[in-house]
């Protein structure tokens, strides 16, 4: 299944995550929900990163990410795939980067670029259920979570580390690093 629609435009959450992608990731990297591709391209620009897989449910996002990678000259280190989370992914990674749709859905609006389900955390929970089997033994996840997201982080078998938080006018954004427990 693929979603064809708008591509999430980088915003405060994207730039918070980007800062830590530039500082932390190395080896083999998966950019889950790549959107415009800024996280994937930032990872591919790093000499310590050998390969980046950019995945998104939205074919238009994959096209945007390919364009961004081409314009930046890093496309040779990258591969692109349409996938609903891990549905079409079999590889293992040293880092998985995820800026998920984390806000609660609004009435009849189900925009997967920002709506993570009725409580906001349903997409994150599905992601966390599948992520551990796609990490190398020393692999980690770098992810954004919002104070507006309802889910229980300790139910998924990860050790959570707060990397940075950012206050916005209506929410707190958290950049977290997760490692399998």
Foldseek 3Di string as FASTA:
>chain_A
DADADAFDDDDPLNVVLQVVLLVDDAEEEEEEQCGLNSSVLSNLVDPRYQAYEYEHSYPVRQVNNCVVCVVSVRCVRYHYDNDLQCRPPDAAGQEYEYAFQQAAADDPDDDRNRHCYNQRCVSVVVNLQPRQNRYDQNHKYWYKYKPSGDDDVVPRQWDKDFDDWDDDPPIIMTTIMIDGD
